[in-house]
Protein backbone atom coordinates (compact mmCIF):
# COMPACT_ATOMS: atom_id res chain seq x y z
CA MET A 1 106.68 107.79 106.53
CA GLY A 2 103.84 105.49 107.51
CA ILE A 3 104.54 101.78 107.09
CA VAL A 4 101.97 99.00 107.21
CA LEU A 5 102.09 95.20 106.85
CA THR A 6 98.84 93.69 105.63
CA GLU A 7 97.59 90.15 105.12
CA ASN A 8 94.63 89.92 102.76
CA ARG A 9 93.96 93.63 103.30
CA LEU A 10 93.89 93.32 107.11
CA ILE A 11 96.43 95.32 109.09
CA ARG A 12 98.87 93.03 110.89
CA SER A 13 101.40 95.67 111.90
CA CYS A 14 101.97 99.39 111.43
CA ASN A 15 104.30 102.03 112.73
CA ALA A 16 103.26 104.93 114.93
CA THR A 17 103.74 107.36 112.04
CA PHE A 18 101.08 105.67 109.94
CA ALA A 19 98.68 105.41 112.87
CA ALA A 20 99.10 109.10 113.72
CA MET A 21 98.73 110.06 110.05
CA VAL A 22 95.26 108.50 109.96
CA GLY A 23 94.26 109.56 113.48
CA TYR A 24 94.76 106.38 115.52
CA VAL A 25 97.27 104.61 117.73
CA PRO A 26 98.82 101.41 116.35
CA ALA A 27 96.92 99.11 118.73
CA ASP A 28 93.60 100.42 117.36
CA LEU A 29 94.55 99.38 113.83
CA ILE A 30 95.88 95.85 114.29
CA GLY A 31 93.39 93.37 112.82
CA GLN A 32 91.34 96.08 111.10
CA SER A 33 90.41 96.00 107.43
CA PHE A 34 91.85 98.64 105.13
CA ARG A 35 88.20 99.36 104.28
CA MET A 36 88.21 101.91 107.11
CA PHE A 37 90.41 104.23 105.03
CA TYR A 38 88.02 104.50 102.10
CA GLY A 39 84.75 106.39 101.83
CA SER A 40 82.72 103.43 100.63
CA HIS A 41 82.86 99.69 100.16
CA GLU A 42 82.80 100.23 96.38
CA GLU A 43 85.85 102.50 96.59
CA PHE A 44 87.64 99.90 98.74
CA LEU A 45 86.88 97.14 96.23
CA GLY A 46 87.76 99.31 93.24
CA ILE A 47 91.20 100.26 94.50
CA ARG A 48 92.15 96.65 95.21
CA ASP A 49 93.01 95.73 91.63
CA ILE A 50 94.96 98.88 90.84
CA GLY A 51 98.57 97.80 90.57
CA LEU A 52 97.77 94.14 91.21
CA ALA A 53 99.39 93.03 87.93
CA ARG A 54 102.65 94.76 88.87
CA LEU A 55 102.63 93.16 92.32
CA HIS A 56 101.93 89.77 90.77
CA GLY A 57 105.02 90.28 88.63
CA GLY A 58 107.12 90.98 91.72
CA THR A 59 107.41 94.71 90.98
CA ASP A 60 106.63 97.51 93.42
CA TYR A 61 103.52 99.56 92.75
CA THR A 62 103.47 103.31 93.40
CA ASP A 63 100.76 105.92 93.01
CA GLU A 64 99.18 108.88 94.75
CA ARG A 65 95.87 108.32 96.48
CA LEU A 66 93.38 109.64 98.95
CA VAL A 67 93.19 107.92 102.34
CA ARG A 68 90.47 108.67 104.84
CA HIS A 69 91.48 110.06 108.22
CA ARG A 70 89.60 109.03 111.37
CA ASP A 71 87.77 112.39 111.36
CA GLY A 72 86.44 111.76 107.84
CA GLN A 73 88.78 114.09 105.98
CA SER A 74 90.83 112.84 103.03
CA LEU A 75 94.62 112.83 103.01
CA TRP A 76 96.51 112.95 99.73
CA CYS A 77 99.37 110.44 100.04
CA ARG A 78 102.16 109.00 97.98
CA PHE A 79 101.61 105.25 98.21
CA ARG A 80 103.98 102.35 97.56
CA ALA A 81 103.28 98.63 97.85
CA ARG A 82 105.53 95.58 97.69
CA THR A 83 104.17 92.09 98.01
CA LEU A 84 106.03 89.43 99.94
CA THR A 85 104.08 86.74 98.06
CA PRO A 86 104.14 87.50 94.29
CA THR A 87 102.07 84.43 93.37
CA ALA A 88 99.27 85.68 95.66
CA PRO A 89 100.00 89.43 95.82
CA LEU A 90 97.49 90.44 98.50
CA ASP A 91 98.43 87.68 100.94
CA ARG A 92 101.25 89.76 102.50
CA VAL A 93 101.97 93.31 101.43
CA VAL A 94 104.25 95.97 102.87
CA MET A 95 102.91 99.45 102.15
CA SER A 96 104.24 102.91 102.76
CA PHE A 97 102.27 106.15 102.89
CA ALA A 98 103.79 109.61 102.80
CA ARG A 99 101.62 112.71 103.05
CA MET A 100 102.11 114.99 100.12
CA ALA A 101 102.93 117.62 102.75
CA ASP A 102 102.96 117.38 106.50
CA THR A 103 101.96 121.02 106.87
CA ALA A 104 99.01 120.93 104.49
CA PRO A 105 95.48 120.77 105.82
CA ALA A 106 93.47 117.66 105.09
CA LEU A 107 90.83 117.84 102.38
CA THR A 108 87.15 117.41 103.02
CA LEU A 109 85.80 115.79 99.88
CA THR A 110 82.54 114.07 99.13
CA LYS A 111 82.52 110.38 98.25
CA ARG A 112 81.89 111.25 94.60
CA GLU A 113 84.70 113.85 94.57
CA ARG A 114 87.12 111.26 95.99
CA GLN A 115 86.07 108.76 93.34
CA VAL A 116 86.43 111.20 90.46
CA LEU A 117 89.71 112.63 91.74
CA GLY A 118 91.14 109.15 92.21
CA LEU A 119 90.25 108.17 88.65
CA MET A 120 91.57 111.47 87.32
CA ASN A 121 94.84 110.61 89.07
CA GLN A 122 94.90 107.39 87.04
CA GLY A 123 94.76 109.50 83.87
CA LEU A 124 91.16 108.76 82.95
CA PHE A 125 88.99 111.24 81.04
CA SER A 126 85.39 112.17 81.91
CA LYS A 127 83.89 109.58 79.57
CA GLU A 128 86.09 106.82 81.04
CA ILE A 129 85.37 107.94 84.60
CA ALA A 130 81.64 107.99 83.86
CA GLY A 131 81.78 104.45 82.48
CA SER A 132 83.81 103.22 85.43
CA LEU A 133 81.42 104.72 88.00
CA GLY A 134 78.18 104.09 86.10
CA LEU A 135 77.46 107.82 85.83
CA SER A 136 76.65 110.18 83.01
CA VAL A 137 79.47 112.23 81.53
CA ARG A 138 77.50 115.33 82.60
CA THR A 139 77.60 114.21 86.26
CA VAL A 140 81.36 113.64 86.09
CA ASP A 141 81.83 117.06 84.47
CA ASP A 142 79.77 118.65 87.26
CA VAL A 143 82.01 117.02 89.89
CA ARG A 144 85.12 118.12 88.01
CA GLY A 145 83.69 121.65 87.93
CA ARG A 146 83.23 121.65 91.71
CA LEU A 147 86.81 120.45 92.14
CA ILE A 148 88.06 123.18 89.79
CA ARG A 149 86.31 125.84 91.88
CA ARG A 150 87.48 124.33 95.17
CA PHE A 151 91.13 124.25 94.10
CA GLY A 152 90.99 127.58 92.28
CA VAL A 153 92.37 126.29 88.98
CA LYS A 154 91.30 126.92 85.39
CA ARG A 155 91.31 123.33 84.10
CA ALA A 156 90.60 119.96 85.65
CA ALA A 157 94.03 118.78 84.52
CA ASP A 158 95.58 121.42 86.80
CA ILE A 159 93.98 119.99 89.94
CA LEU A 160 96.49 117.19 90.45
CA GLY A 161 99.39 119.51 89.62
CA ARG A 162 98.06 122.08 92.07
CA MET A 163 97.70 119.43 94.76
CA THR A 164 101.28 118.33 94.23
CA ASP A 165 102.64 121.88 93.97
CA THR A 166 100.87 123.08 97.11
CA ARG A 167 101.38 119.76 98.89
CA VAL A 168 97.71 119.35 99.74
């Protein structure tokens, strides 16, 4: 399991497992912004507030998310965060990342596919995803269609289940 200590979203310490998971050695990551693990600045900003209310309340936050590997591929990880400073949750956070499967190949997804898949993982529907990303519902449906074909499923709702079942 990869473990990271951050201060205001900058990496202060990490174990070798996390560094290897994302294609680096620990020394390369110290002092770096977590921005490097997201496809865009917008994605980095957007993910910041997810779970912030739970952290502010002193509760752990857990989800599944895509993290960008050094080679540009996306890794599907189980993520957990615990703040050490509940009154200012992002000041010091301990995070853990576990690949959904160590034997699974990494995914190569476009920026838009990562965005849509991430919001699907939060339980949002096409209309909500479109509003969140400033896109038309048709565009979101097109992206969902590409993901359906890529993962070989019949419905968009099956994508996340397929990813979990096959440990992608």
